[in-house]
């Protein structure tokens, strides 16, 4: 016969094991989602650059940023 204390210990051990498995799955899924969003962001950045690129022969303003980066000067 198994004492009540042993049964409680087995239940607690099973619970801890299951909680650890769930936590590991959670972190695995978070990593997958993070990578998926990195891929999407990269695709969007590439699309943005493609759509907003300046055609050859079009004047582009030069931007000068001061050393303290508080003032921006644009020259045409």
Protein backbone atom coordinates (compact mmCIF):
# COMPACT_ATOMS: atom_id res chain seq x y z
CA UNK A 1 0.00 0.00 0.00
CA UNK A 2 1.22 3.51 -0.86
CA UNK A 3 0.96 6.15 1.80
CA UNK A 4 -0.85 9.43 1.16
CA UNK A 5 2.43 11.29 1.41
CA UNK A 6 4.01 9.21 -1.37
CA UNK A 7 0.98 9.70 -3.63
CA UNK A 8 1.12 13.45 -3.05
CA UNK A 9 4.81 13.41 -3.85
CA UNK A 10 4.20 11.49 -7.10
CA UNK A 11 1.43 13.88 -8.12
CA UNK A 12 3.63 16.87 -7.36
CA UNK A 13 6.50 15.36 -9.34
CA UNK A 14 4.20 14.69 -12.31
CA UNK A 15 2.87 18.25 -12.12
CA UNK A 16 6.38 19.71 -12.08
CA UNK A 17 7.39 17.55 -15.04
CA UNK A 18 4.33 18.65 -17.02
CA UNK A 19 4.90 22.31 -16.10
CA UNK A 20 8.50 22.03 -17.32
CA UNK A 21 7.33 20.51 -20.61
CA UNK A 22 4.76 23.28 -21.09
CA UNK A 23 7.36 25.94 -20.31
CA UNK A 24 9.82 24.43 -22.81
CA UNK A 25 7.10 24.33 -25.48
CA UNK A 26 6.18 27.94 -24.71
CA UNK A 27 9.77 29.11 -25.18
CA UNK A 28 10.15 27.03 -28.36
CA UNK A 29 7.00 28.60 -29.82
CA UNK A 30 8.08 32.12 -28.81
CA UNK A 31 11.37 31.55 -30.67
CA UNK A 32 9.49 30.36 -33.76
CA UNK A 33 7.20 33.40 -33.74
CA UNK A 34 10.16 35.73 -33.20
CA UNK A 35 11.96 34.24 -36.22
CA UNK A 36 8.78 34.43 -38.31
CA UNK A 37 8.38 38.14 -37.51
CA UNK A 38 12.06 38.82 -38.22
CA UNK A 39 11.53 37.30 -41.66
CA UNK A 40 8.40 39.36 -42.27
CA UNK A 41 10.09 42.56 -41.10
CA UNK A 42 13.04 41.87 -43.37
CA UNK A 43 10.68 41.32 -46.32
CA UNK A 44 8.82 44.56 -45.53
CA UNK A 45 12.08 46.50 -45.27
CA UNK A 46 13.20 45.17 -48.65
CA UNK A 47 9.83 46.02 -50.19
CA UNK A 48 9.93 49.51 -48.65
CA UNK A 49 13.41 50.14 -50.05
CA UNK A 50 12.35 48.89 -53.47
CA UNK A 51 9.21 51.05 -53.55
CA UNK A 52 10.97 54.12 -52.16
CA UNK A 53 14.21 53.91 -54.09
CA UNK A 54 15.12 56.97 -56.11
CA UNK A 55 15.22 56.50 -59.89
CA UNK A 56 18.52 57.27 -61.58
CA UNK A 57 18.96 60.93 -62.47
CA UNK A 58 16.67 62.22 -59.70
CA UNK A 59 18.23 64.73 -57.29
CA UNK A 60 18.51 63.44 -53.74
CA UNK A 61 19.04 65.85 -50.83
CA UNK A 62 22.16 65.43 -48.75
CA UNK A 63 21.50 65.17 -45.04
CA UNK A 64 24.12 66.26 -42.53
CA UNK A 65 23.73 65.34 -38.89
CA UNK A 66 25.72 67.29 -36.33
CA UNK A 67 27.91 65.44 -33.87
CA UNK A 68 25.33 65.76 -31.11
CA UNK A 69 22.57 64.70 -33.52
CA UNK A 70 20.25 67.47 -32.37
CA UNK A 71 20.27 69.46 -35.59
CA UNK A 72 19.72 68.19 -39.10
CA UNK A 73 20.67 70.26 -42.13
CA UNK A 74 19.33 69.40 -45.58
CA UNK A 75 21.01 70.76 -48.72
CA UNK A 76 19.64 70.53 -52.25
